[in-house]
C-alpha atoms as a PDB file:
ATOM      1  CA  MET A   1      99.549  92.032  66.000  1.00  0.00           C
ATOM      2  CA  ALA A   2      99.425  93.206  69.620  1.00  0.00           C
ATOM      3  CA  PRO A   3      99.617  97.065  70.257  1.00  0.00           C
ATOM      4  CA  LYS A   4     102.920  98.183  71.483  1.00  0.00           C
ATOM      5  CA  LEU A   5     102.900  99.326  75.058  1.00  0.00           C
ATOM      6  CA  LYS A   6     104.370 102.624  76.033  1.00  0.00           C
ATOM      7  CA  PRO A   7     107.469 101.973  78.392  1.00  0.00           C
ATOM      8  CA  PHE A   8     106.389 102.394  82.044  1.00  0.00           C
ATOM      9  CA  HIS A   9     107.473 101.531  85.521  1.00  0.00           C
ATOM     10  CA  LEU A  10     105.587 100.340  88.586  1.00  0.00           C
ATOM     11  CA  LEU A  11     105.959 102.364  91.798  1.00  0.00           C
ATOM     12  CA  GLU A  12     105.153  99.923  94.607  1.00  0.00           C
ATOM     13  CA  ILE A  13     104.152 101.549  97.989  1.00  0.00           C
ATOM     14  CA  ASN A  14     103.745  99.499 101.035  1.00  0.00           C
ATOM     15  CA  VAL A  15     101.859 101.623 103.684  1.00  0.00           C
ATOM     16  CA  ILE A  16     102.908  99.590 106.748  1.00  0.00           C
ATOM     17  CA  SER A  17     102.146 101.382 109.994  1.00  0.00           C
ATOM     18  CA  ALA A  18     102.270 104.684 111.924  1.00  0.00           C
ATOM     19  CA  GLN A  19     103.437 105.284 115.468  1.00  0.00           C
ATOM     20  CA  GLU A  20     102.803 107.968 118.036  1.00  0.00           C
ATOM     21  CA  LEU A  21     100.041 109.741 116.225  1.00  0.00           C
ATOM     22  CA  GLU A  22      98.587 112.667 118.199  1.00  0.00           C
ATOM     23  CA  PRO A  23      94.818 111.525 118.987  1.00  0.00           C
ATOM     24  CA  VAL A  24      92.215 113.561 117.279  1.00  0.00           C
ATOM     25  CA  ARG A  25      89.523 111.516 118.863  1.00  0.00           C
ATOM     26  CA  LYS A  26      89.227 109.384 122.048  1.00  0.00           C
ATOM     27  CA  LYS A  27      89.230 106.086 119.970  1.00  0.00           C
ATOM     28  CA  MET A  28      90.679 106.409 116.574  1.00  0.00           C
ATOM     29  CA  GLN A  29      89.878 104.160 113.762  1.00  0.00           C
ATOM     30  CA  THR A  30      92.440 105.319 111.097  1.00  0.00           C
ATOM     31  CA  TYR A  31      93.193 104.496 107.502  1.00  0.00           C
ATOM     32  CA  ALA A  32      95.714 105.944 105.086  1.00  0.00           C
ATOM     33  CA  THR A  33      95.235 107.169 101.571  1.00  0.00           C
ATOM     34  CA  ALA A  34      98.221 107.329  98.965  1.00  0.00           C
ATOM     35  CA  TRP A  35      98.501 108.901  95.542  1.00  0.00           C
ATOM     36  CA  VAL A  36     100.813 110.049  92.834  1.00  0.00           C
ATOM     37  CA  HIS A  37      97.809 111.744  91.014  1.00  0.00           C
ATOM     38  CA  PRO A  38      95.101 113.317  93.028  1.00  0.00           C
ATOM     39  CA  GLN A  39      92.536 111.696  90.677  1.00  0.00           C
ATOM     40  CA  ARG A  40      93.685 108.268  91.599  1.00  0.00           C
ATOM     41  CA  LYS A  41      93.726 107.850  95.435  1.00  0.00           C
ATOM     42  CA  LEU A  42      93.972 104.368  96.977  1.00  0.00           C
ATOM     43  CA  SER A  43      93.139 103.605 100.569  1.00  0.00           C
ATOM     44  CA  THR A  44      94.228 101.054 103.089  1.00  0.00           C
ATOM     45  CA  SER A  45      91.755  99.078 105.197  1.00  0.00           C
ATOM     46  CA  VAL A  46      90.644 100.583 108.463  1.00  0.00           C
ATOM     47  CA  ASP A  47      92.673  99.848 111.473  1.00  0.00           C
ATOM     48  CA  ASN A  48      90.194  99.397 114.394  1.00  0.00           C
ATOM     49  CA  ASP A  49      92.463  98.513 117.005  1.00  0.00           C
ATOM     50  CA  GLY A  50      95.753 100.378 116.638  1.00  0.00           C
ATOM     51  CA  ASN A  51      94.425 103.632 117.863  1.00  0.00           C
ATOM     52  CA  THR A  52      97.468 106.081 117.785  1.00  0.00           C
ATOM     53  CA  SER A  53      99.847 103.264 116.403  1.00  0.00           C
ATOM     54  CA  PRO A  54      97.820 101.839 113.636  1.00  0.00           C
ATOM     55  CA  THR A  55      99.116  98.935 111.319  1.00  0.00           C
ATOM     56  CA  TRP A  56      97.751  98.565 107.747  1.00  0.00           C
ATOM     57  CA  ASN A  57     100.482  96.699 105.778  1.00  0.00           C
ATOM     58  CA  ASP A  58      98.525  97.534 102.417  1.00  0.00           C
ATOM     59  CA  LYS A  59     100.505  97.570  99.226  1.00  0.00           C
ATOM     60  CA  PHE A  60      99.757  99.888  96.278  1.00  0.00           C
ATOM     61  CA  VAL A  61     101.087  99.868  92.880  1.00  0.00           C
ATOM     62  CA  PHE A  62     101.139 103.064  90.510  1.00  0.00           C
ATOM     63  CA  LYS A  63     101.925 102.934  86.960  1.00  0.00           C
ATOM     64  CA  VAL A  64     104.312 105.878  86.153  1.00  0.00           C
ATOM     65  CA  ASP A  65     106.496 106.811  83.205  1.00  0.00           C
ATOM     66  CA  GLU A  66     110.097 107.673  83.125  1.00  0.00           C
ATOM     67  CA  ASP A  67     109.415 111.419  82.989  1.00  0.00           C
ATOM     68  CA  PHE A  68     107.603 111.089  86.182  1.00  0.00           C
ATOM     69  CA  LEU A  69     110.556 109.425  87.915  1.00  0.00           C
ATOM     70  CA  ARG A  70     112.876 111.888  86.595  1.00  0.00           C
ATOM     71  CA  ASN A  71     111.001 114.979  87.454  1.00  0.00           C
ATOM     72  CA  ASP A  72     112.494 116.727  90.643  1.00  0.00           C
ATOM     73  CA  THR A  73     108.820 117.548  91.778  1.00  0.00           C
ATOM     74  CA  SER A  74     107.282 114.089  91.404  1.00  0.00           C
ATOM     75  CA  ALA A  75     106.023 112.861  94.619  1.00  0.00           C
ATOM     76  CA  VAL A  76     103.929 110.255  96.486  1.00  0.00           C
ATOM     77  CA  SER A  77     101.395 111.888  99.095  1.00  0.00           C
ATOM     78  CA  ILE A  78      99.976 109.957 101.950  1.00  0.00           C
ATOM     79  CA  GLU A  79      97.214 111.035 104.215  1.00  0.00           C
ATOM     80  CA  ILE A  80      96.190 109.541 107.537  1.00  0.00           C
ATOM     81  CA  LEU A  81      92.654 109.980 108.387  1.00  0.00           C
ATOM     82  CA  ALA A  82      90.433 108.963 111.454  1.00  0.00           C
ATOM     83  CA  GLU A  83      86.862 107.811 110.635  1.00  0.00           C
ATOM     84  CA  HIS A  84      84.222 110.132 111.977  1.00  0.00           C
ATOM     85  CA  TRP A  85      80.393 110.267 111.709  1.00  0.00           C
ATOM     86  CA  PHE A  86      79.921 112.883 109.009  1.00  0.00           C
ATOM     87  CA  THR A  87      83.431 113.599 107.658  1.00  0.00           C
ATOM     88  CA  ASP A  88      86.770 111.911 108.360  1.00  0.00           C
ATOM     89  CA  ILE A  89      89.366 113.844 110.186  1.00  0.00           C
ATOM     90  CA  VAL A  90      92.705 114.444 108.713  1.00  0.00           C
ATOM     91  CA  VAL A  91      95.311 113.063 111.327  1.00  0.00           C
ATOM     92  CA  GLY A  92      98.378 114.130 109.256  1.00  0.00           C
ATOM     93  CA  SER A  93     100.123 113.770 106.002  1.00  0.00           C
ATOM     94  CA  VAL A  94     103.393 112.917 104.306  1.00  0.00           C
ATOM     95  CA  ARG A  95     104.611 114.071 100.839  1.00  0.00           C
ATOM     96  CA  ILE A  96     107.637 112.196  99.594  1.00  0.00           C
ATOM     97  CA  ILE A  97     109.702 113.365  96.606  1.00  0.00           C
ATOM     98  CA  ILE A  98     110.497 110.138  94.455  1.00  0.00           C
ATOM     99  CA  GLY A  99     114.072 111.272  93.706  1.00  0.00           C
ATOM    100  CA  ASN A 100     114.791 111.110  97.563  1.00  0.00           C
ATOM    101  CA  LEU A 101     113.405 107.557  97.699  1.00  0.00           C
ATOM    102  CA  ILE A 102     114.659 105.698  94.724  1.00  0.00           C
ATOM    103  CA  PRO A 103     118.187 106.083  93.233  1.00  0.00           C
ATOM    104  CA  PRO A 104     118.139 107.343  89.583  1.00  0.00           C
ATOM    105  CA  HIS A 105     120.213 104.452  88.247  1.00  0.00           C
ATOM    106  CA  VAL A 106     117.475 101.995  89.287  1.00  0.00           C
ATOM    107  CA  TRP A 107     115.205 103.093  86.410  1.00  0.00           C
ATOM    108  CA  THR A 108     117.513 104.591  83.816  1.00  0.00           C
ATOM    109  CA  ASP A 109     119.616 101.376  83.005  1.00  0.00           C
ATOM    110  CA  ARG A 110     117.763  99.864  80.188  1.00  0.00           C
ATOM    111  CA  ARG A 111     120.269  96.909  79.737  1.00  0.00           C
ATOM    112  CA  HIS A 112     119.570  95.541  83.229  1.00  0.00           C
ATOM    113  CA  HIS A 113     115.929  95.635  84.242  1.00  0.00           C
ATOM    114  CA  HIS A 114     116.575  96.385  87.907  1.00  0.00           C
ATOM    115  CA  ARG A 115     114.088  95.722  90.646  1.00  0.00           C
ATOM    116  CA  ILE A 116     115.582  96.877  93.801  1.00  0.00           C
ATOM    117  CA  GLY A 117     114.287  95.228  96.830  1.00  0.00           C
ATOM    118  CA  MET A 118     111.715  96.998  98.889  1.00  0.00           C
ATOM    119  CA  GLN A 119     113.320  99.968 100.850  1.00  0.00           C
ATOM    120  CA  PHE A 120     111.805 100.677 104.124  1.00  0.00           C
ATOM    121  CA  ILE A 121     111.569 104.189 105.316  1.00  0.00           C
ATOM    122  CA  ALA A 122     110.231 106.063 108.509  1.00  0.00           C
ATOM    123  CA  LEU A 123     108.835 109.434 107.665  1.00  0.00           C
ATOM    124  CA  GLN A 124     107.714 112.334 109.765  1.00  0.00           C
ATOM    125  CA  VAL A 125     103.941 112.789 109.655  1.00  0.00           C
ATOM    126  CA  ARG A 126     102.671 116.502 109.598  1.00  0.00           C
ATOM    127  CA  ARG A 127      99.524 117.900 110.862  1.00  0.00           C
ATOM    128  CA  PRO A 128      97.655 120.224 108.527  1.00  0.00           C
ATOM    129  CA  SER A 129      99.284 122.984 110.540  1.00  0.00           C
ATOM    130  CA  GLY A 130     102.561 121.608 109.677  1.00  0.00           C
ATOM    131  CA  ARG A 131     103.473 120.507 113.229  1.00  0.00           C
ATOM    132  CA  PRO A 132     104.938 117.098 113.708  1.00  0.00           C
ATOM    133  CA  GLN A 133     102.509 114.282 114.409  1.00  0.00           C
ATOM    134  CA  GLY A 134     104.146 111.063 114.598  1.00  0.00           C
ATOM    135  CA  ILE A 135     106.018 108.578 112.241  1.00  0.00           C
ATOM    136  CA  LEU A 136     104.775 106.792 109.111  1.00  0.00           C
ATOM    137  CA  ASN A 137     106.522 103.379 108.113  1.00  0.00           C
ATOM    138  CA  ILE A 138     106.453 102.564 104.360  1.00  0.00           C
ATOM    139  CA  GLY A 139     108.222 100.367 101.875  1.00  0.00           C
ATOM    140  CA  VAL A 140     109.090 101.558  98.274  1.00  0.00           C
ATOM    141  CA  ALA A 141     110.045  99.847  95.204  1.00  0.00           C
ATOM    142  CA  VAL A 142     110.311 100.558  91.500  1.00  0.00           C
ATOM    143  CA  LEU A 143     109.685  97.677  88.956  1.00  0.00           C
ATOM    144  CA  ASN A 144     110.580  97.919  85.150  1.00  0.00           C
ATOM    145  CA  GLY A 145     107.011  97.586  83.464  1.00  0.00           C
ATOM    146  CA  THR A 146     108.351  96.295  80.225  1.00  0.00           C
ATOM    147  CA  MET A 147     109.696  92.933  81.741  1.00  0.00           C
ATOM    148  CA  ARG A 148     107.479  90.260  80.216  1.00  0.00           C
ATOM    149  CA  SER A 149     107.930  88.036  83.149  1.00  0.00           C
ATOM    150  CA  MET A 150     106.470  90.524  85.604  1.00  0.00           C
ATOM    151  CA  PRO A 151     103.526  89.167  87.531  1.00  0.00           C
ATOM    152  CA  LEU A 152     100.196  90.873  86.548  1.00  0.00           C
ATOM    153  CA  TYR A 153     101.718  92.083  83.386  1.00  0.00           C
ATOM    154  CA  THR A 154      98.451  91.648  81.352  1.00  0.00           C
ATOM    155  CA  GLN A 155      96.342  93.263  84.008  1.00  0.00           C
ATOM    156  CA  LEU A 156      98.107  96.785  84.069  1.00  0.00           C
ATOM    157  CA  SER A 157      95.755  98.899  82.227  1.00  0.00           C
ATOM    158  CA  ALA A 158      94.779 100.842  85.321  1.00  0.00           C
ATOM    159  CA  SER A 159      97.198 103.380  86.477  1.00  0.00           C
ATOM    160  CA  ALA A 160      96.807 102.504  90.183  1.00  0.00           C
ATOM    161  CA  PHE A 161      95.701  99.403  91.994  1.00  0.00           C
ATOM    162  CA  GLY A 162      95.919  97.835  95.550  1.00  0.00           C
ATOM    163  CA  TYR A 163      97.081  94.239  95.902  1.00  0.00           C
ATOM    164  CA  ARG A 164      94.241  93.650  98.084  1.00  0.00           C
ATOM    165  CA  ASP A 165      91.752  94.485  95.222  1.00  0.00           C
ATOM    166  CA  LEU A 166      93.416  91.854  92.979  1.00  0.00           C
ATOM    167  CA  MET A 167      92.704  88.962  95.313  1.00  0.00           C
END
């Protein structure tokens, strides 16, 4: 008999691009790092050509439980960094409260396993000082993890993974 899986959801984050970033170097080669738990950060590929308007279009999936989705303080954090010789430079960051992104009825209706389409959002990026720093474009979706027909169902032992890593 197969072990019963604890109910979970998949929080899908597509880090698409950024616009009008303030340059921290003459030629910026940037990447973004996303996480819901600081121990499990995922990074996009490096955009070598975009400079202050990079494009990544990398998709990440985070395995989260219903408590996480219902908690008023649960958030996704995204940090944009520019590659540098010794240590990468923080260009800016965004912290998004989950309740502001996904309507609660999406994950609470157990009779209808909802999968809303990807919602696209433009967010204000902030420098470490708190000053505005440009715009980050992302897509967000929640999938019900108990759906047997869901792709990659058998490969979900990890709590976070990037689609690029599965290919």
